[in-house]
Amino acid sequence: GYCTPGQICSATALLEEMQAGTASAVTPDVRVKSPAFTDDEIRERMSGNICRCGAYPNIVAAIRTVALKKV
């Protein structure tokens, strides 16, 4: 887990941004208060983190799981 601390920090920020209704580059309508938790939305917000092992699908799934439990 070389990237794990950065992934966790970014995922925490992502969840806070989404809860606050902050738009991203892939948000279809920036006037909508709460963007949808789509895979594209999650990937865009996590795009600054590089993972050598390629665990991106698992990272997206983990974020989606946590997001659904926070609702």
PDB file of N, CA and C in Angstrom:
ATOM      1  N   GLY A   1       0.694  -1.179   0.000  1.00  0.00           N
ATOM      2  CA  GLY A   1       0.000   0.000   0.000  1.00  0.00           C
ATOM      3  C   GLY A   1       0.758   1.288   0.000  1.00  0.00           C
ATOM      4  N   TYR A   2       1.622   1.517  -0.981  1.00  0.00           N
ATOM      5  CA  TYR A   2       2.324   2.795  -1.071  1.00  0.00           C
ATOM      6  C   TYR A   2       1.349   3.954  -1.241  1.00  0.00           C
ATOM      7  N   CYS A   3       0.297   3.759  -1.998  1.00  0.00           N
ATOM      8  CA  CYS A   3      -0.635   4.852  -2.288  1.00  0.00           C
ATOM      9  C   CYS A   3      -1.773   4.956  -1.272  1.00  0.00           C
ATOM     10  N   THR A   4      -1.891   4.013  -0.380  1.00  0.00           N
ATOM     11  CA  THR A   4      -3.059   3.937   0.505  1.00  0.00           C
ATOM     12  C   THR A   4      -3.329   5.217   1.298  1.00  0.00           C
ATOM     13  N   PRO A   5      -2.325   5.830   1.955  1.00  0.00           N
ATOM     14  CA  PRO A   5      -2.632   7.055   2.702  1.00  0.00           C
ATOM     15  C   PRO A   5      -3.219   8.165   1.818  1.00  0.00           C
ATOM     16  N   GLY A   6      -2.654   8.343   0.633  1.00  0.00           N
ATOM     17  CA  GLY A   6      -3.174   9.365  -0.274  1.00  0.00           C
ATOM     18  C   GLY A   6      -4.572   9.037  -0.771  1.00  0.00           C
ATOM     19  N   GLN A   7      -4.816   7.759  -1.034  1.00  0.00           N
ATOM     20  CA  GLN A   7      -6.151   7.348  -1.481  1.00  0.00           C
ATOM     21  C   GLN A   7      -7.189   7.623  -0.398  1.00  0.00           C
ATOM     22  N   ILE A   8      -6.835   7.329   0.850  1.00  0.00           N
ATOM     23  CA  ILE A   8      -7.770   7.551   1.963  1.00  0.00           C
ATOM     24  C   ILE A   8      -8.038   9.037   2.155  1.00  0.00           C
ATOM     25  N   CYS A   9      -6.989   9.857   2.112  1.00  0.00           N
ATOM     26  CA  CYS A   9      -7.177  11.309   2.260  1.00  0.00           C
ATOM     27  C   CYS A   9      -8.053  11.861   1.138  1.00  0.00           C
ATOM     28  N   SER A  10      -7.787  11.450  -0.096  1.00  0.00           N
ATOM     29  CA  SER A  10      -8.583  11.929  -1.225  1.00  0.00           C
ATOM     30  C   SER A  10     -10.021  11.427  -1.162  1.00  0.00           C
ATOM     31  N   ALA A  11     -10.207  10.191  -0.738  1.00  0.00           N
ATOM     32  CA  ALA A  11     -11.561   9.649  -0.632  1.00  0.00           C
ATOM     33  C   ALA A  11     -12.362  10.403   0.441  1.00  0.00           C
ATOM     34  N   THR A  12     -11.718  10.740   1.543  1.00  0.00           N
ATOM     35  CA  THR A  12     -12.384  11.517   2.590  1.00  0.00           C
ATOM     36  C   THR A  12     -12.797  12.882   2.058  1.00  0.00           C
ATOM     37  N   ALA A  13     -11.891  13.546   1.334  1.00  0.00           N
ATOM     38  CA  ALA A  13     -12.208  14.853   0.748  1.00  0.00           C
ATOM     39  C   ALA A  13     -13.326  14.724  -0.282  1.00  0.00           C
ATOM     40  N   LEU A  14     -13.281  13.660  -1.081  1.00  0.00           N
ATOM     41  CA  LEU A  14     -14.317  13.417  -2.079  1.00  0.00           C
ATOM     42  C   LEU A  14     -15.689  13.316  -1.417  1.00  0.00           C
ATOM     43  N   LEU A  15     -15.776  12.543  -0.358  1.00  0.00           N
ATOM     44  CA  LEU A  15     -17.056  12.372   0.336  1.00  0.00           C
ATOM     45  C   LEU A  15     -17.557  13.695   0.902  1.00  0.00           C
ATOM     46  N   GLU A  16     -16.653  14.503   1.438  1.00  0.00           N
ATOM     47  CA  GLU A  16     -17.039  15.811   1.971  1.00  0.00           C
ATOM     48  C   GLU A  16     -17.485  16.750   0.854  1.00  0.00           C
ATOM     49  N   GLU A  17     -16.768  16.740  -0.278  1.00  0.00           N
ATOM     50  CA  GLU A  17     -17.156  17.563  -1.423  1.00  0.00           C
ATOM     51  C   GLU A  17     -18.524  17.157  -1.949  1.00  0.00           C
ATOM     52  N   MET A  18     -18.734  15.857  -2.085  1.00  0.00           N
ATOM     53  CA  MET A  18     -20.012  15.380  -2.594  1.00  0.00           C
ATOM     54  C   MET A  18     -21.150  15.735  -1.638  1.00  0.00           C
ATOM     55  N   GLN A  19     -20.897  15.622  -0.354  1.00  0.00           N
ATOM     56  CA  GLN A  19     -21.924  15.957   0.633  1.00  0.00           C
ATOM     57  C   GLN A  19     -22.253  17.451   0.588  1.00  0.00           C
ATOM     58  N   ALA A  20     -21.239  18.276   0.301  1.00  0.00           N
ATOM     59  CA  ALA A  20     -21.445  19.718   0.213  1.00  0.00           C
ATOM     60  C   ALA A  20     -22.070  20.125  -1.121  1.00  0.00           C
ATOM     61  N   GLY A  21     -22.110  19.188  -2.090  1.00  0.00           N
ATOM     62  CA  GLY A  21     -22.710  19.484  -3.383  1.00  0.00           C
ATOM     63  C   GLY A  21     -21.771  20.165  -4.353  1.00  0.00           C
ATOM     64  N   THR A  22     -20.469  20.058  -4.134  1.00  0.00           N
ATOM     65  CA  THR A  22     -19.483  20.678  -5.002  1.00  0.00           C
ATOM     66  C   THR A  22     -19.423  19.954  -6.341  1.00  0.00           C
ATOM     67  N   ALA A  23     -19.461  20.710  -7.427  1.00  0.00           N
ATOM     68  CA  ALA A  23     -19.402  20.123  -8.767  1.00  0.00           C
ATOM     69  C   ALA A  23     -17.967  19.760  -9.121  1.00  0.00           C
ATOM     70  N   SER A  24     -17.823  18.860 -10.100  1.00  0.00           N
ATOM     71  CA  SER A  24     -16.502  18.508 -10.622  1.00  0.00           C
ATOM     72  C   SER A  24     -16.521  18.682 -12.141  1.00  0.00           C
ATOM     73  N   ALA A  25     -15.433  18.331 -12.784  1.00  0.00           N
ATOM     74  CA  ALA A  25     -15.332  18.472 -14.236  1.00  0.00           C
ATOM     75  C   ALA A  25     -16.305  17.559 -14.983  1.00  0.00           C
ATOM     76  N   VAL A  26     -16.769  16.498 -14.361  1.00  0.00           N
ATOM     77  CA  VAL A  26     -17.689  15.579 -15.045  1.00  0.00           C
ATOM     78  C   VAL A  26     -19.130  15.711 -14.568  1.00  0.00           C
ATOM     79  N   THR A  27     -19.410  16.643 -13.678  1.00  0.00           N
ATOM     80  CA  THR A  27     -20.783  16.858 -13.228  1.00  0.00           C
ATOM     81  C   THR A  27     -21.587  17.402 -14.405  1.00  0.00           C
ATOM     82  N   PRO A  28     -22.633  16.690 -14.840  1.00  0.00           N
ATOM     83  CA  PRO A  28     -23.377  17.114 -16.024  1.00  0.00           C
ATOM     84  C   PRO A  28     -24.038  18.484 -15.874  1.00  0.00           C
ATOM     85  N   ASP A  29     -24.563  18.779 -14.715  1.00  0.00           N
ATOM     86  CA  ASP A  29     -25.265  20.043 -14.496  1.00  0.00           C
ATOM     87  C   ASP A  29     -24.768  20.639 -13.184  1.00  0.00           C
ATOM     88  N   VAL A  30     -23.962  21.687 -13.279  1.00  0.00           N
ATOM     89  CA  VAL A  30     -23.368  22.277 -12.077  1.00  0.00           C
ATOM     90  C   VAL A  30     -24.398  22.998 -11.210  1.00  0.00           C
ATOM     91  N   ARG A  31     -25.608  23.166 -11.728  1.00  0.00           N
ATOM     92  CA  ARG A  31     -26.657  23.804 -10.928  1.00  0.00           C
ATOM     93  C   ARG A  31     -27.312  22.844  -9.948  1.00  0.00           C
ATOM     94  N   VAL A  32     -27.088  21.541 -10.153  1.00  0.00           N
ATOM     95  CA  VAL A  32     -27.652  20.524  -9.269  1.00  0.00           C
ATOM     96  C   VAL A  32     -26.863  20.538  -7.966  1.00  0.00           C
ATOM     97  N   LYS A  33     -27.557  20.589  -6.849  1.00  0.00           N
ATOM     98  CA  LYS A  33     -26.895  20.713  -5.547  1.00  0.00           C
ATOM     99  C   LYS A  33     -26.060  19.493  -5.188  1.00  0.00           C
ATOM    100  N   SER A  34     -26.546  18.298  -5.445  1.00  0.00           N
ATOM    101  CA  SER A  34     -25.820  17.088  -5.071  1.00  0.00           C
ATOM    102  C   SER A  34     -25.525  16.243  -6.297  1.00  0.00           C
ATOM    103  N   PRO A  35     -24.279  16.267  -6.781  1.00  0.00           N
ATOM    104  CA  PRO A  35     -23.928  15.418  -7.921  1.00  0.00           C
ATOM    105  C   PRO A  35     -24.118  13.940  -7.574  1.00  0.00           C
ATOM    106  N   ALA A  36     -24.362  13.129  -8.580  1.00  0.00           N
ATOM    107  CA  ALA A  36     -24.562  11.695  -8.375  1.00  0.00           C
ATOM    108  C   ALA A  36     -23.243  10.990  -8.111  1.00  0.00           C
ATOM    109  N   PHE A  37     -23.281   9.935  -7.331  1.00  0.00           N
ATOM    110  CA  PHE A  37     -22.087   9.129  -7.049  1.00  0.00           C
ATOM    111  C   PHE A  37     -21.875   8.125  -8.178  1.00  0.00           C
ATOM    112  N   THR A  38     -21.578   8.620  -9.364  1.00  0.00           N
ATOM    113  CA  THR A  38     -21.301   7.731 -10.490  1.00  0.00           C
ATOM    114  C   THR A  38     -19.827   7.333 -10.468  1.00  0.00           C
ATOM    115  N   ASP A  39     -19.508   6.271 -11.187  1.00  0.00           N
ATOM    116  CA  ASP A  39     -18.106   5.864 -11.282  1.00  0.00           C
ATOM    117  C   ASP A  39     -17.261   6.975 -11.903  1.00  0.00           C
ATOM    118  N   ASP A  40     -17.795   7.659 -12.916  1.00  0.00           N
ATOM    119  CA  ASP A  40     -17.054   8.752 -13.546  1.00  0.00           C
ATOM    120  C   ASP A  40     -16.791   9.889 -12.565  1.00  0.00           C
ATOM    121  N   GLU A  41     -17.787  10.207 -11.762  1.00  0.00           N
ATOM    122  CA  GLU A  41     -17.635  11.274 -10.764  1.00  0.00           C
ATOM    123  C   GLU A  41     -16.556  10.896  -9.746  1.00  0.00           C
ATOM    124  N   ILE A  42     -16.587   9.684  -9.269  1.00  0.00           N
ATOM    125  CA  ILE A  42     -15.596   9.228  -8.290  1.00  0.00           C
ATOM    126  C   ILE A  42     -14.204   9.213  -8.917  1.00  0.00           C
ATOM    127  N   ARG A  43     -14.085   8.679 -10.126  1.00  0.00           N
ATOM    128  CA  ARG A  43     -12.770   8.615 -10.794  1.00  0.00           C
ATOM    129  C   ARG A  43     -12.197  10.010 -11.025  1.00  0.00           C
ATOM    130  N   GLU A  44     -13.033  10.949 -11.433  1.00  0.00           N
ATOM    131  CA  GLU A  44     -12.564  12.322 -11.658  1.00  0.00           C
ATOM    132  C   GLU A  44     -12.025  12.938 -10.370  1.00  0.00           C
ATOM    133  N   ARG A  45     -12.746  12.751  -9.288  1.00  0.00           N
ATOM    134  CA  ARG A  45     -12.327  13.348  -8.019  1.00  0.00           C
ATOM    135  C   ARG A  45     -11.113  12.648  -7.414  1.00  0.00           C
ATOM    136  N   MET A  46     -10.864  11.416  -7.816  1.00  0.00           N
ATOM    137  CA  MET A  46      -9.702  10.664  -7.324  1.00  0.00           C
ATOM    138  C   MET A  46      -8.550  10.682  -8.333  1.00  0.00           C
ATOM    139  N   SER A  47      -8.672  11.416  -9.408  1.00  0.00           N
ATOM    140  CA  SER A  47      -7.737  11.317 -10.523  1.00  0.00           C
ATOM    141  C   SER A  47      -6.307  11.746 -10.204  1.00  0.00           C
ATOM    142  N   GLY A  48      -6.069  12.442  -9.133  1.00  0.00           N
ATOM    143  CA  GLY A  48      -4.710  12.853  -8.795  1.00  0.00           C
ATOM    144  C   GLY A  48      -3.884  11.776  -8.124  1.00  0.00           C
ATOM    145  N   ASN A  49      -4.481  10.660  -7.805  1.00  0.00           N
ATOM    146  CA  ASN A  49      -3.771   9.582  -7.103  1.00  0.00           C
ATOM    147  C   ASN A  49      -3.414   8.457  -8.068  1.00  0.00           C
ATOM    148  N   ILE A  50      -2.167   8.044  -7.999  1.00  0.00           N
ATOM    149  CA  ILE A  50      -1.693   6.964  -8.856  1.00  0.00           C
ATOM    150  C   ILE A  50      -1.468   5.721  -8.001  1.00  0.00           C
ATOM    151  N   CYS A  51      -1.969   4.598  -8.495  1.00  0.00           N
ATOM    152  CA  CYS A  51      -1.840   3.325  -7.789  1.00  0.00           C
ATOM    153  C   CYS A  51      -1.044   2.364  -8.665  1.00  0.00           C
ATOM    154  N   ARG A  52       0.090   1.911  -8.180  1.00  0.00           N
ATOM    155  CA  ARG A  52       0.944   1.013  -8.965  1.00  0.00           C
ATOM    156  C   ARG A  52       0.295  -0.349  -9.192  1.00  0.00           C
ATOM    157  N   CYS A  53      -0.486  -0.822  -8.256  1.00  0.00           N
ATOM    158  CA  CYS A  53      -1.042  -2.171  -8.395  1.00  0.00           C
ATOM    159  C   CYS A  53      -2.321  -2.190  -9.235  1.00  0.00           C
ATOM    160  N   GLY A  54      -2.854  -1.032  -9.575  1.00  0.00           N
ATOM    161  CA  GLY A  54      -4.041  -0.990 -10.425  1.00  0.00           C
ATOM    162  C   GLY A  54      -5.326  -1.354  -9.717  1.00  0.00           C
ATOM    163  N   ALA A  55      -5.446  -0.999  -8.462  1.00  0.00           N
ATOM    164  CA  ALA A  55      -6.628  -1.350  -7.679  1.00  0.00           C
ATOM    165  C   ALA A  55      -7.772  -0.355  -7.862  1.00  0.00           C
ATOM    166  N   TYR A  56      -7.748   0.408  -8.936  1.00  0.00           N
ATOM    167  CA  TYR A  56      -8.757   1.448  -9.135  1.00  0.00           C
ATOM    168  C   TYR A  56     -10.200   0.951  -9.047  1.00  0.00           C
ATOM    169  N   PRO A  57     -10.552  -0.166  -9.668  1.00  0.00           N
ATOM    170  CA  PRO A  57     -11.947  -0.632  -9.544  1.00  0.00           C
ATOM    171  C   PRO A  57     -12.332  -0.909  -8.085  1.00  0.00           C
ATOM    172  N   ASN A  58     -11.410  -1.454  -7.312  1.00  0.00           N
ATOM    173  CA  ASN A  58     -11.698  -1.728  -5.896  1.00  0.00           C
ATOM    174  C   ASN A  58     -11.805  -0.432  -5.092  1.00  0.00           C
ATOM    175  N   ILE A  59     -10.995   0.551  -5.433  1.00  0.00           N
ATOM    176  CA  ILE A  59     -11.048   1.842  -4.737  1.00  0.00           C
ATOM    177  C   ILE A  59     -12.387   2.517  -5.007  1.00  0.00           C
ATOM    178  N   VAL A  60     -12.813   2.528  -6.267  1.00  0.00           N
ATOM    179  CA  VAL A  60     -14.113   3.117  -6.630  1.00  0.00           C
ATOM    180  C   VAL A  60     -15.242   2.387  -5.903  1.00  0.00           C
ATOM    181  N   ALA A  61     -15.175   1.065  -5.876  1.00  0.00           N
ATOM    182  CA  ALA A  61     -16.210   0.279  -5.192  1.00  0.00           C
ATOM    183  C   ALA A  61     -16.237   0.578  -3.694  1.00  0.00           C
ATOM    184  N   ALA A  62     -15.075   0.724  -3.092  1.00  0.00           N
ATOM    185  CA  ALA A  62     -15.011   1.023  -1.654  1.00  0.00           C
ATOM    186  C   ALA A  62     -15.602   2.393  -1.354  1.00  0.00           C
ATOM    187  N   ILE A  63     -15.294   3.361  -2.178  1.00  0.00           N
ATOM    188  CA  ILE A  63     -15.845   4.719  -1.982  1.00  0.00           C
ATOM    189  C   ILE A  63     -17.354   4.685  -2.129  1.00  0.00           C
ATOM    190  N   ARG A  64     -17.839   3.972  -3.135  1.00  0.00           N
ATOM    191  CA  ARG A  64     -19.296   3.881  -3.340  1.00  0.00           C
ATOM    192  C   ARG A  64     -19.966   3.217  -2.142  1.00  0.00           C
ATOM    193  N   THR A  65     -19.354   2.168  -1.582  1.00  0.00           N
ATOM    194  CA  THR A  65     -19.899   1.477  -0.411  1.00  0.00           C
ATOM    195  C   THR A  65     -20.000   2.419   0.776  1.00  0.00           C
ATOM    196  N   VAL A  66     -18.938   3.164   1.030  1.00  0.00           N
ATOM    197  CA  VAL A  66     -18.938   4.108   2.149  1.00  0.00           C
ATOM    198  C   VAL A  66     -19.962   5.215   1.906  1.00  0.00           C
ATOM    199  N   ALA A  67     -20.035   5.711   0.691  1.00  0.00           N
ATOM    200  CA  ALA A  67     -20.976   6.786   0.371  1.00  0.00           C
ATOM    201  C   ALA A  67     -22.415   6.336   0.603  1.00  0.00           C
ATOM    202  N   LEU A  68     -22.745   5.125   0.215  1.00  0.00           N
ATOM    203  CA  LEU A  68     -24.110   4.635   0.392  1.00  0.00           C
ATOM    204  C   LEU A  68     -24.455   4.448   1.866  1.00  0.00           C
ATOM    205  N   LYS A  69     -23.460   4.122   2.688  1.00  0.00           N
ATOM    206  CA  LYS A  69     -23.706   3.958   4.124  1.00  0.00           C
ATOM    207  C   LYS A  69     -23.856   5.299   4.822  1.00  0.00           C
ATOM    208  N   LYS A  70     -23.285   6.365   4.248  1.00  0.00           N
ATOM    209  CA  LYS A  70     -23.378   7.694   4.855  1.00  0.00           C
ATOM    210  C   LYS A  70     -24.723   8.349   4.596  1.00  0.00           C
ATOM    211  N   VAL A  71     -25.461   7.843   3.594  1.00  0.00           N
ATOM    212  CA  VAL A  71     -26.737   8.455   3.206  1.00  0.00           C
ATOM    213  C   VAL A  71     -27.805   8.184   4.196  1.00  0.00           C
TER     214      VAL A  71
END
